[in-house]
Amino acid sequence: MFKIDRAAAADAAALTDLMHASSAYQGRYASILEGYVVTPDYLRQHQVLVARGPSGPAGFAALTDAELDLLFVADEAQGTGLGARLVRKILEVARENGLTEVRVVSHPPAAKFYERMGARQVGTVPPKPPRISWSRPELVFSLPGNDSAPARETTAGQGDRRRIRS
């Protein structure tokens, strides 16, 4: 039903539209997406997978360094298992890149979904007013099977510690 492949720069506008149409980011959570655009440069610089249906993109997921940065599924595709397929595929990409963990700073209502997918909550990211006035769950997916490369720790973003395989 949905074909998942690598997003191209030409997908940027459609993915931005899909993201902004999400009912999950209406009302209280709308401010986090204000002015946010998925750019062609973002798609070139990061590993972004898009799920294509008969009428165009129905969902996408982005891996930036060792973080699941974006995961959106069109409202009409909710409940089809597409979100789970995208998570499994992006974790497969992370494993292929030698990562041992993938971090997620979750939209609060989505935290239980990530836990069902195998992530564990490791903390909470505090609000960042004015755009984000709520705490967000921080979760981690552990990726077994990448023990062949020596691990090194890096500090990325806001002081989070990430284990990266060289």
Protein backbone atom coordinates (compact mmCIF):
# COMPACT_ATOMS: atom_id res chain seq x y z
CA MET A 1 0.00 0.00 0.00
CA PHE A 2 2.83 2.43 0.88
CA LYS A 3 6.29 2.42 -0.68
CA ILE A 4 9.03 3.70 1.64
CA ASP A 5 12.13 5.22 0.08
CA ARG A 6 14.63 8.02 0.58
CA ALA A 7 13.16 11.52 0.38
CA ALA A 8 14.44 13.77 -2.38
CA ALA A 9 14.91 17.54 -2.28
CA ALA A 10 11.80 17.85 -4.46
CA ASP A 11 9.71 16.33 -1.61
CA ALA A 12 10.35 19.28 0.73
CA ALA A 13 7.12 21.22 0.12
CA ALA A 14 4.89 18.13 0.27
CA LEU A 15 6.51 16.98 3.54
CA THR A 16 6.12 20.46 5.04
CA ASP A 17 2.43 20.44 4.06
CA LEU A 18 1.93 16.95 5.52
CA MET A 19 3.57 18.04 8.78
CA HIS A 20 1.48 21.22 9.11
CA ALA A 21 -1.75 19.35 8.32
CA SER A 22 -1.25 16.98 11.27
CA SER A 23 -4.13 17.18 13.73
CA ALA A 24 -1.67 16.15 16.47
CA TYR A 25 -0.14 19.62 16.24
CA GLN A 26 -3.33 21.67 16.40
CA GLY A 27 -4.43 23.64 19.43
CA ARG A 28 -2.03 23.53 22.37
CA TYR A 29 0.84 22.04 20.36
CA ALA A 30 0.53 24.24 17.24
CA SER A 31 3.26 26.67 18.31
CA ILE A 32 6.08 24.13 17.91
CA LEU A 33 5.51 24.02 14.13
CA GLU A 34 5.00 27.75 13.57
CA GLY A 35 7.29 28.74 10.74
CA TYR A 36 8.92 25.28 10.59
CA VAL A 37 9.74 24.18 7.04
CA VAL A 38 11.30 20.96 5.77
CA THR A 39 13.85 22.34 3.33
CA PRO A 40 15.61 20.69 0.40
CA ASP A 41 18.89 21.20 2.31
CA TYR A 42 17.47 19.36 5.34
CA LEU A 43 16.54 16.45 3.07
CA ARG A 44 20.01 16.40 1.50
CA GLN A 45 21.85 16.63 4.85
CA HIS A 46 19.86 14.02 6.79
CA GLN A 47 18.50 10.57 6.23
CA VAL A 48 14.81 11.09 5.61
CA LEU A 49 12.48 8.31 4.57
CA VAL A 50 9.13 9.03 2.95
CA ALA A 51 6.14 6.71 2.66
CA ARG A 52 4.42 7.22 -0.67
CA GLY A 53 0.84 6.27 -1.25
CA PRO A 54 -1.38 6.59 -4.33
CA SER A 55 -1.98 10.30 -3.68
CA GLY A 56 1.56 11.24 -2.65
CA PRO A 57 3.50 11.30 0.64
CA ALA A 58 1.56 9.76 3.53
CA GLY A 59 4.31 9.93 6.15
CA PHE A 60 7.99 10.52 6.77
CA ALA A 61 10.73 10.00 9.34
CA ALA A 62 14.09 11.73 9.71
CA LEU A 63 17.30 10.55 11.34
CA THR A 64 19.72 13.33 12.30
CA ASP A 65 22.95 12.08 13.84
CA ALA A 66 21.64 9.69 16.50
CA GLU A 67 18.15 11.19 16.85
CA LEU A 68 14.76 10.46 15.36
CA ASP A 69 14.13 14.12 14.60
CA LEU A 70 10.80 14.00 12.78
CA LEU A 71 8.06 11.41 12.42
CA PHE A 72 4.78 12.37 10.82
CA VAL A 73 1.96 10.25 9.42
CA ALA A 74 -0.95 11.86 7.55
CA ASP A 75 -4.17 11.81 9.53
CA GLU A 76 -5.85 9.61 6.94
CA ALA A 77 -3.05 7.02 7.24
CA GLN A 78 -3.20 6.87 11.06
CA GLY A 79 -3.99 3.38 12.34
CA THR A 80 -2.61 1.59 9.26
CA GLY A 81 0.70 0.62 10.86
CA LEU A 82 2.58 3.14 8.72
CA GLY A 83 4.12 4.92 11.72
CA ALA A 84 5.47 1.61 13.03
CA ARG A 85 6.87 0.75 9.58
CA LEU A 86 8.62 4.12 9.36
CA VAL A 87 10.14 3.72 12.84
CA ARG A 88 11.38 0.21 12.04
CA LYS A 89 12.91 1.42 8.75
CA ILE A 90 14.62 4.45 10.32
CA LEU A 91 16.03 2.24 13.10
CA GLU A 92 17.31 -0.10 10.38
CA VAL A 93 19.08 2.87 8.76
CA ALA A 94 20.54 3.81 12.15
CA ARG A 95 21.81 0.24 12.65
CA GLU A 96 23.37 0.28 9.18
CA ASN A 97 25.14 3.51 10.20
CA GLY A 98 26.59 1.69 13.20
CA LEU A 99 24.53 3.47 15.85
CA THR A 100 23.82 1.69 19.13
CA GLU A 101 21.09 4.10 20.27
CA VAL A 102 18.59 6.50 18.75
CA ARG A 103 17.19 9.33 20.85
CA VAL A 104 13.66 10.73 20.52
CA VAL A 105 12.35 13.91 22.12
CA SER A 106 8.70 13.03 21.81
CA HIS A 107 5.53 14.95 21.24
CA PRO A 108 3.86 14.15 24.61
CA PRO A 109 0.85 12.26 23.17
CA ALA A 110 3.22 10.09 21.05
CA ALA A 111 5.39 8.80 23.93
CA LYS A 112 3.31 5.64 24.46
CA PHE A 113 3.62 4.82 20.74
CA TYR A 114 7.43 4.97 20.97
CA GLU A 115 7.36 2.80 24.11
CA ARG A 116 5.24 0.21 22.26
CA MET A 117 7.89 0.32 19.52
CA GLY A 118 10.58 -0.55 22.07
CA ALA A 119 11.90 2.81 23.27
CA ARG A 120 12.41 3.48 26.95
CA GLN A 121 11.94 6.84 28.61
CA VAL A 122 15.23 8.17 29.97
CA GLY A 123 14.24 11.68 30.96
CA THR A 124 12.18 14.76 30.29
CA VAL A 125 13.15 17.81 28.26
CA PRO A 126 11.93 20.97 29.99
CA PRO A 127 9.80 23.61 28.25
CA LYS A 128 11.50 26.18 26.02
CA PRO A 129 9.17 29.19 26.01
CA PRO A 130 7.77 30.89 24.14
CA ARG A 131 7.27 28.23 21.44
CA ILE A 132 7.30 25.14 23.67
CA SER A 133 5.46 25.62 26.95
CA TRP A 134 5.29 21.92 27.89
CA SER A 135 7.77 19.24 28.97
CA ARG A 136 8.61 16.57 26.42
CA PRO A 137 9.49 12.92 27.12
CA GLU A 138 13.01 11.91 26.11
CA LEU A 139 13.22 8.29 24.98
CA VAL A 140 15.94 6.02 23.63
CA PHE A 141 15.81 3.05 21.28
CA SER A 142 18.66 0.61 21.96
CA LEU A 143 19.98 -1.03 18.81
CA PRO A 144 21.56 -4.39 19.59
CA GLY A 145 23.97 -6.00 17.21
CA ASN A 146 26.38 -3.13 16.63
CA ASP A 147 29.11 -4.34 18.94
CA SER A 148 31.78 -4.75 16.27
CA ALA A 149 32.90 -1.10 16.17
CA PRO A 150 34.47 0.63 19.16
CA ALA A 151 32.09 3.07 20.84
CA ARG A 152 32.93 6.68 21.47
CA GLU A 153 30.82 9.24 23.24
CA THR A 154 30.00 12.58 21.72
CA THR A 155 28.18 15.57 23.06
CA ALA A 156 25.56 16.89 20.70
CA GLY A 157 22.88 19.52 20.76
CA GLN A 158 21.84 20.54 24.24
CA GLY A 159 24.32 18.52 26.26
CA ASP A 160 22.79 15.13 25.56
CA ARG A 161 25.26 12.23 25.53
CA ARG A 162 25.19 9.94 22.52
CA ARG A 163 27.06 6.73 21.89
CA ILE A 164 28.28 6.70 18.32
CA ARG A 165 30.10 3.87 16.59
CA SER A 166 33.18 4.94 14.62
